[in-house]
Amino acid sequence: MADKRMMTPKEKALLQAKHRQKEAEARNRKKERDARTHRLVQEGAILESIVPHIKEMDLDSLKRELMIRLRGM
């Protein structure tokens, strides 16, 4: 890309639009990550309230426990 001082007004406008687009995309990705994190925290809290002993379980044990319980439904 040419030196910014040598850019035409159209080139500058295009570059600024690209930067704004990238910033908007980054904000949207962050919003999506934040929403997913919030949902996962809520789901984990519900799970812990129903099965309190899972707090002491490692992830493999938790997965096995859930598979057993869900198969029985």
PDB file of N, CA and C in Angstrom:
ATOM      1  N   MET A   1       0.866  -1.185   0.000  1.00  0.00           N
ATOM      2  CA  MET A   1       0.000   0.000   0.000  1.00  0.00           C
ATOM      3  C   MET A   1       0.898   1.228   0.000  1.00  0.00           C
ATOM      4  N   ALA A   2       0.461   2.239  -0.635  1.00  0.00           N
ATOM      5  CA  ALA A   2       1.219   3.485  -0.733  1.00  0.00           C
ATOM      6  C   ALA A   2       1.279   4.165   0.625  1.00  0.00           C
ATOM      7  N   ASP A   3       2.283   5.015   0.789  1.00  0.00           N
ATOM      8  CA  ASP A   3       2.408   5.831   1.996  1.00  0.00           C
ATOM      9  C   ASP A   3       1.117   6.623   2.164  1.00  0.00           C
ATOM     10  N   LYS A   4       0.601   6.724   3.397  1.00  0.00           N
ATOM     11  CA  LYS A   4      -0.669   7.409   3.643  1.00  0.00           C
ATOM     12  C   LYS A   4      -0.651   8.860   3.153  1.00  0.00           C
ATOM     13  N   ARG A   5       0.498   9.517   3.196  1.00  0.00           N
ATOM     14  CA  ARG A   5       0.577  10.906   2.740  1.00  0.00           C
ATOM     15  C   ARG A   5       0.398  11.000   1.236  1.00  0.00           C
ATOM     16  N   MET A   6       0.620   9.919   0.527  1.00  0.00           N
ATOM     17  CA  MET A   6       0.527   9.930  -0.929  1.00  0.00           C
ATOM     18  C   MET A   6      -0.794   9.333  -1.415  1.00  0.00           C
ATOM     19  N   MET A   7      -1.668   8.961  -0.517  1.00  0.00           N
ATOM     20  CA  MET A   7      -2.928   8.348  -0.897  1.00  0.00           C
ATOM     21  C   MET A   7      -3.919   9.406  -1.370  1.00  0.00           C
ATOM     22  N   THR A   8      -4.745   8.987  -2.290  1.00  0.00           N
ATOM     23  CA  THR A   8      -5.810   9.876  -2.741  1.00  0.00           C
ATOM     24  C   THR A   8      -6.917   9.871  -1.688  1.00  0.00           C
ATOM     25  N   PRO A   9      -7.800  10.850  -1.725  1.00  0.00           N
ATOM     26  CA  PRO A   9      -8.925  10.852  -0.777  1.00  0.00           C
ATOM     27  C   PRO A   9      -9.768   9.574  -0.862  1.00  0.00           C
ATOM     28  N   LYS A  10      -9.963   9.055  -2.077  1.00  0.00           N
ATOM     29  CA  LYS A  10     -10.728   7.808  -2.236  1.00  0.00           C
ATOM     30  C   LYS A  10     -10.014   6.642  -1.558  1.00  0.00           C
ATOM     31  N   GLU A  11      -8.696   6.564  -1.715  1.00  0.00           N
ATOM     32  CA  GLU A  11      -7.917   5.483  -1.089  1.00  0.00           C
ATOM     33  C   GLU A  11      -7.986   5.591   0.430  1.00  0.00           C
ATOM     34  N   LYS A  12      -7.880   6.808   0.939  1.00  0.00           N
ATOM     35  CA  LYS A  12      -7.977   7.020   2.381  1.00  0.00           C
ATOM     36  C   LYS A  12      -9.346   6.601   2.895  1.00  0.00           C
ATOM     37  N   ALA A  13     -10.391   6.990   2.172  1.00  0.00           N
ATOM     38  CA  ALA A  13     -11.753   6.644   2.577  1.00  0.00           C
ATOM     39  C   ALA A  13     -11.945   5.131   2.567  1.00  0.00           C
ATOM     40  N   LEU A  14     -11.409   4.467   1.562  1.00  0.00           N
ATOM     41  CA  LEU A  14     -11.513   3.012   1.478  1.00  0.00           C
ATOM     42  C   LEU A  14     -10.774   2.345   2.637  1.00  0.00           C
ATOM     43  N   LEU A  15      -9.583   2.836   2.928  1.00  0.00           N
ATOM     44  CA  LEU A  15      -8.804   2.285   4.036  1.00  0.00           C
ATOM     45  C   LEU A  15      -9.538   2.488   5.365  1.00  0.00           C
ATOM     46  N   GLN A  16     -10.115   3.652   5.562  1.00  0.00           N
ATOM     47  CA  GLN A  16     -10.871   3.917   6.791  1.00  0.00           C
ATOM     48  C   GLN A  16     -12.093   3.007   6.885  1.00  0.00           C
ATOM     49  N   ALA A  17     -12.761   2.789   5.774  1.00  0.00           N
ATOM     50  CA  ALA A  17     -13.935   1.906   5.767  1.00  0.00           C
ATOM     51  C   ALA A  17     -13.534   0.478   6.112  1.00  0.00           C
ATOM     52  N   LYS A  18     -12.400   0.041   5.593  1.00  0.00           N
ATOM     53  CA  LYS A  18     -11.916  -1.302   5.909  1.00  0.00           C
ATOM     54  C   LYS A  18     -11.607  -1.424   7.400  1.00  0.00           C
ATOM     55  N   HIS A  19     -10.999  -0.410   7.964  1.00  0.00           N
ATOM     56  CA  HIS A  19     -10.676  -0.422   9.400  1.00  0.00           C
ATOM     57  C   HIS A  19     -11.955  -0.457  10.236  1.00  0.00           C
ATOM     58  N   ARG A  20     -12.938   0.349   9.859  1.00  0.00           N
ATOM     59  CA  ARG A  20     -14.221   0.351  10.582  1.00  0.00           C
ATOM     60  C   ARG A  20     -14.896  -1.014  10.498  1.00  0.00           C
ATOM     61  N   GLN A  21     -14.823  -1.640   9.320  1.00  0.00           N
ATOM     62  CA  GLN A  21     -15.419  -2.966   9.136  1.00  0.00           C
ATOM     63  C   GLN A  21     -14.731  -3.993  10.042  1.00  0.00           C
ATOM     64  N   LYS A  22     -13.409  -3.959  10.079  1.00  0.00           N
ATOM     65  CA  LYS A  22     -12.665  -4.894  10.937  1.00  0.00           C
ATOM     66  C   LYS A  22     -12.999  -4.663  12.407  1.00  0.00           C
ATOM     67  N   GLU A  23     -13.111  -3.417  12.810  1.00  0.00           N
ATOM     68  CA  GLU A  23     -13.460  -3.104  14.197  1.00  0.00           C
ATOM     69  C   GLU A  23     -14.857  -3.595  14.533  1.00  0.00           C
ATOM     70  N   ALA A  24     -15.796  -3.422  13.608  1.00  0.00           N
ATOM     71  CA  ALA A  24     -17.173  -3.885  13.828  1.00  0.00           C
ATOM     72  C   ALA A  24     -17.206  -5.414  13.941  1.00  0.00           C
ATOM     73  N   GLU A  25     -16.457  -6.093  13.083  1.00  0.00           N
ATOM     74  CA  GLU A  25     -16.395  -7.555  13.142  1.00  0.00           C
ATOM     75  C   GLU A  25     -15.792  -8.018  14.469  1.00  0.00           C
ATOM     76  N   ALA A  26     -14.759  -7.340  14.925  1.00  0.00           N
ATOM     77  CA  ALA A  26     -14.135  -7.698  16.205  1.00  0.00           C
ATOM     78  C   ALA A  26     -15.111  -7.487  17.362  1.00  0.00           C
ATOM     79  N   ARG A  27     -15.872  -6.394  17.321  1.00  0.00           N
ATOM     80  CA  ARG A  27     -16.882  -6.151  18.372  1.00  0.00           C
ATOM     81  C   ARG A  27     -17.943  -7.245  18.364  1.00  0.00           C
ATOM     82  N   ASN A  28     -18.378  -7.651  17.176  1.00  0.00           N
ATOM     83  CA  ASN A  28     -19.386  -8.705  17.071  1.00  0.00           C
ATOM     84  C   ASN A  28     -18.860 -10.032  17.601  1.00  0.00           C
ATOM     85  N   ARG A  29     -17.605 -10.361  17.280  1.00  0.00           N
ATOM     86  CA  ARG A  29     -17.017 -11.612  17.801  1.00  0.00           C
ATOM     87  C   ARG A  29     -16.944 -11.571  19.322  1.00  0.00           C
ATOM     88  N   LYS A  30     -16.584 -10.427  19.882  1.00  0.00           N
ATOM     89  CA  LYS A  30     -16.500 -10.299  21.341  1.00  0.00           C
ATOM     90  C   LYS A  30     -17.882 -10.449  21.963  1.00  0.00           C
ATOM     91  N   LYS A  31     -18.900  -9.829  21.359  1.00  0.00           N
ATOM     92  CA  LYS A  31     -20.265  -9.966  21.875  1.00  0.00           C
ATOM     93  C   LYS A  31     -20.697 -11.426  21.873  1.00  0.00           C
ATOM     94  N   GLU A  32     -20.389 -12.132  20.789  1.00  0.00           N
ATOM     95  CA  GLU A  32     -20.746 -13.549  20.698  1.00  0.00           C
ATOM     96  C   GLU A  32     -20.023 -14.366  21.760  1.00  0.00           C
ATOM     97  N   ARG A  33     -18.725 -14.098  21.961  1.00  0.00           N
ATOM     98  CA  ARG A  33     -17.955 -14.818  22.994  1.00  0.00           C
ATOM     99  C   ARG A  33     -18.513 -14.532  24.377  1.00  0.00           C
ATOM    100  N   ASP A  34     -18.820 -13.264  24.639  1.00  0.00           N
ATOM    101  CA  ASP A  34     -19.372 -12.884  25.943  1.00  0.00           C
ATOM    102  C   ASP A  34     -20.718 -13.556  26.196  1.00  0.00           C
ATOM    103  N   ALA A  35     -21.564 -13.606  25.163  1.00  0.00           N
ATOM    104  CA  ALA A  35     -22.880 -14.242  25.307  1.00  0.00           C
ATOM    105  C   ALA A  35     -22.713 -15.736  25.567  1.00  0.00           C
ATOM    106  N   ARG A  36     -21.786 -16.381  24.876  1.00  0.00           N
ATOM    107  CA  ARG A  36     -21.542 -17.817  25.086  1.00  0.00           C
ATOM    108  C   ARG A  36     -21.010 -18.068  26.490  1.00  0.00           C
ATOM    109  N   THR A  37     -20.079 -17.251  26.924  1.00  0.00           N
ATOM    110  CA  THR A  37     -19.528 -17.401  28.272  1.00  0.00           C
ATOM    111  C   THR A  37     -20.628 -17.240  29.310  1.00  0.00           C
ATOM    112  N   HIS A  38     -21.478 -16.253  29.144  1.00  0.00           N
ATOM    113  CA  HIS A  38     -22.577 -16.020  30.079  1.00  0.00           C
ATOM    114  C   HIS A  38     -23.514 -17.230  30.122  1.00  0.00           C
ATOM    115  N   ARG A  39     -23.842 -17.763  28.949  1.00  0.00           N
ATOM    116  CA  ARG A  39     -24.721 -18.930  28.876  1.00  0.00           C
ATOM    117  C   ARG A  39     -24.085 -20.136  29.561  1.00  0.00           C
ATOM    118  N   LEU A  40     -22.803 -20.362  29.322  1.00  0.00           N
ATOM    119  CA  LEU A  40     -22.119 -21.508  29.929  1.00  0.00           C
ATOM    120  C   LEU A  40     -22.056 -21.382  31.451  1.00  0.00           C
ATOM    121  N   VAL A  41     -21.831 -20.180  31.954  1.00  0.00           N
ATOM    122  CA  VAL A  41     -21.802 -19.963  33.398  1.00  0.00           C
ATOM    123  C   VAL A  41     -23.173 -20.245  33.993  1.00  0.00           C
ATOM    124  N   GLN A  42     -24.222 -19.772  33.334  1.00  0.00           N
ATOM    125  CA  GLN A  42     -25.581 -20.028  33.820  1.00  0.00           C
ATOM    126  C   GLN A  42     -25.896 -21.522  33.811  1.00  0.00           C
ATOM    127  N   GLU A  43     -25.531 -22.204  32.738  1.00  0.00           N
ATOM    128  CA  GLU A  43     -25.788 -23.639  32.652  1.00  0.00           C
ATOM    129  C   GLU A  43     -25.009 -24.391  33.721  1.00  0.00           C
ATOM    130  N   GLY A  44     -23.767 -23.999  33.958  1.00  0.00           N
ATOM    131  CA  GLY A  44     -22.967 -24.634  34.998  1.00  0.00           C
ATOM    132  C   GLY A  44     -23.577 -24.429  36.374  1.00  0.00           C
ATOM    133  N   ALA A  45     -24.083 -23.244  36.638  1.00  0.00           N
ATOM    134  CA  ALA A  45     -24.719 -22.962  37.928  1.00  0.00           C
ATOM    135  C   ALA A  45     -25.966 -23.814  38.112  1.00  0.00           C
ATOM    136  N   ILE A  46     -26.748 -23.977  37.059  1.00  0.00           N
ATOM    137  CA  ILE A  46     -27.936 -24.830  37.136  1.00  0.00           C
ATOM    138  C   ILE A  46     -27.527 -26.266  37.419  1.00  0.00           C
ATOM    139  N   LEU A  47     -26.530 -26.739  36.704  1.00  0.00           N
ATOM    140  CA  LEU A  47     -26.046 -28.113  36.894  1.00  0.00           C
ATOM    141  C   LEU A  47     -25.561 -28.329  38.319  1.00  0.00           C
ATOM    142  N   GLU A  48     -24.785 -27.382  38.840  1.00  0.00           N
ATOM    143  CA  GLU A  48     -24.291 -27.501  40.224  1.00  0.00           C
ATOM    144  C   GLU A  48     -25.423 -27.459  41.238  1.00  0.00           C
ATOM    145  N   SER A  49     -26.476 -26.709  40.949  1.00  0.00           N
ATOM    146  CA  SER A  49     -27.586 -26.634  41.907  1.00  0.00           C
ATOM    147  C   SER A  49     -28.371 -27.945  41.945  1.00  0.00           C
ATOM    148  N   ILE A  50     -28.397 -28.664  40.824  1.00  0.00           N
ATOM    149  CA  ILE A  50     -29.123 -29.929  40.761  1.00  0.00           C
ATOM    150  C   ILE A  50     -28.270 -31.089  41.263  1.00  0.00           C
ATOM    151  N   VAL A  51     -26.990 -31.076  40.933  1.00  0.00           N
ATOM    152  CA  VAL A  51     -26.066 -32.152  41.315  1.00  0.00           C
ATOM    153  C   VAL A  51     -24.860 -31.516  42.011  1.00  0.00           C
ATOM    154  N   PRO A  52     -25.007 -31.146  43.297  1.00  0.00           N
ATOM    155  CA  PRO A  52     -23.948 -30.396  43.983  1.00  0.00           C
ATOM    156  C   PRO A  52     -22.586 -31.099  44.035  1.00  0.00           C
ATOM    157  N   HIS A  53     -22.571 -32.417  44.055  1.00  0.00           N
ATOM    158  CA  HIS A  53     -21.290 -33.121  44.192  1.00  0.00           C
ATOM    159  C   HIS A  53     -20.415 -33.031  42.938  1.00  0.00           C
ATOM    160  N   ILE A  54     -20.935 -32.498  41.845  1.00  0.00           N
ATOM    161  CA  ILE A  54     -20.100 -32.401  40.642  1.00  0.00           C
ATOM    162  C   ILE A  54     -18.969 -31.397  40.808  1.00  0.00           C
ATOM    163  N   LYS A  55     -19.071 -30.534  41.805  1.00  0.00           N
ATOM    164  CA  LYS A  55     -18.008 -29.540  42.031  1.00  0.00           C
ATOM    165  C   LYS A  55     -16.673 -30.208  42.310  1.00  0.00           C
ATOM    166  N   GLU A  56     -16.723 -31.397  42.896  1.00  0.00           N
ATOM    167  CA  GLU A  56     -15.495 -32.116  43.244  1.00  0.00           C
ATOM    168  C   GLU A  56     -15.046 -33.075  42.143  1.00  0.00           C
ATOM    169  N   MET A  57     -15.809 -33.211  41.090  1.00  0.00           N
ATOM    170  CA  MET A  57     -15.487 -34.175  40.034  1.00  0.00           C
ATOM    171  C   MET A  57     -14.535 -33.571  39.005  1.00  0.00           C
ATOM    172  N   ASP A  58     -13.675 -34.432  38.454  1.00  0.00           N
ATOM    173  CA  ASP A  58     -12.873 -33.971  37.315  1.00  0.00           C
ATOM    174  C   ASP A  58     -13.752 -34.050  36.068  1.00  0.00           C
ATOM    175  N   LEU A  59     -13.287 -33.499  34.983  1.00  0.00           N
ATOM    176  CA  LEU A  59     -14.128 -33.394  33.783  1.00  0.00           C
ATOM    177  C   LEU A  59     -14.504 -34.750  33.194  1.00  0.00           C
ATOM    178  N   ASP A  60     -13.580 -35.706  33.219  1.00  0.00           N
ATOM    179  CA  ASP A  60     -13.905 -37.037  32.692  1.00  0.00           C
ATOM    180  C   ASP A  60     -14.999 -37.696  33.519  1.00  0.00           C
ATOM    181  N   SER A  61     -14.893 -37.581  34.841  1.00  0.00           N
ATOM    182  CA  SER A  61     -15.919 -38.157  35.713  1.00  0.00           C
ATOM    183  C   SER A  61     -17.262 -37.463  35.493  1.00  0.00           C
ATOM    184  N   LEU A  62     -17.243 -36.176  35.348  1.00  0.00           N
ATOM    185  CA  LEU A  62     -18.473 -35.429  35.101  1.00  0.00           C
ATOM    186  C   LEU A  62     -19.123 -35.892  33.802  1.00  0.00           C
ATOM    187  N   LYS A  63     -18.315 -36.050  32.774  1.00  0.00           N
ATOM    188  CA  LYS A  63     -18.848 -36.496  31.489  1.00  0.00           C
ATOM    189  C   LYS A  63     -19.477 -37.876  31.627  1.00  0.00           C
ATOM    190  N   ARG A  64     -18.778 -38.811  32.289  1.00  0.00           N
ATOM    191  CA  ARG A  64     -19.332 -40.159  32.491  1.00  0.00           C
ATOM    192  C   ARG A  64     -20.646 -40.097  33.270  1.00  0.00           C
ATOM    193  N   GLU A  65     -20.666 -39.309  34.342  1.00  0.00           N
ATOM    194  CA  GLU A  65     -21.869 -39.166  35.176  1.00  0.00           C
ATOM    195  C   GLU A  65     -23.045 -38.652  34.341  1.00  0.00           C
ATOM    196  N   LEU A  66     -22.809 -37.646  33.545  1.00  0.00           N
ATOM    197  CA  LEU A  66     -23.881 -37.097  32.717  1.00  0.00           C
ATOM    198  C   LEU A  66     -24.356 -38.096  31.665  1.00  0.00           C
ATOM    199  N   MET A  67     -23.427 -38.809  31.063  1.00  0.00           N
ATOM    200  CA  MET A  67     -23.803 -39.814  30.060  1.00  0.00           C
ATOM    201  C   MET A  67     -24.687 -40.882  30.692  1.00  0.00           C
ATOM    202  N   ILE A  68     -24.322 -41.333  31.871  1.00  0.00           N
ATOM    203  CA  ILE A  68     -25.112 -42.368  32.573  1.00  0.00           C
ATOM    204  C   ILE A  68     -26.495 -41.833  32.900  1.00  0.00           C
ATOM    205  N   ARG A  69     -26.548 -40.643  33.479  1.00  0.00           N
ATOM    206  CA  ARG A  69     -27.837 -40.075  33.856  1.00  0.00           C
ATOM    207  C   ARG A  69     -28.735 -39.785  32.663  1.00  0.00           C
ATOM    208  N   LEU A  70     -28.161 -39.284  31.585  1.00  0.00           N
ATOM    209  CA  LEU A  70     -28.968 -38.915  30.430  1.00  0.00           C
ATOM    210  C   LEU A  70     -29.443 -40.136  29.640  1.00  0.00           C
ATOM    211  N   ARG A  71     -28.680 -41.200  29.674  1.00  0.00           N
ATOM    212  CA  ARG A  71     -29.121 -42.428  28.996  1.00  0.00           C
ATOM    213  C   ARG A  71     -30.342 -43.029  29.675  1.00  0.00           C
ATOM    214  N   GLY A  72     -30.430 -42.833  30.992  1.00  0.00           N
ATOM    215  CA  GLY A  72     -31.522 -43.415  31.748  1.00  0.00           C
ATOM    216  C   GLY A  72     -32.840 -42.678  31.588  1.00  0.00           C
ATOM    217  N   MET A  73     -32.848 -41.601  30.873  1.00  0.00           N
ATOM    218  CA  MET A  73     -34.088 -40.805  30.737  1.00  0.00           C
ATOM    219  C   MET A  73     -35.016 -41.412  29.706  1.00  0.00           C
TER     220      MET A  73
END
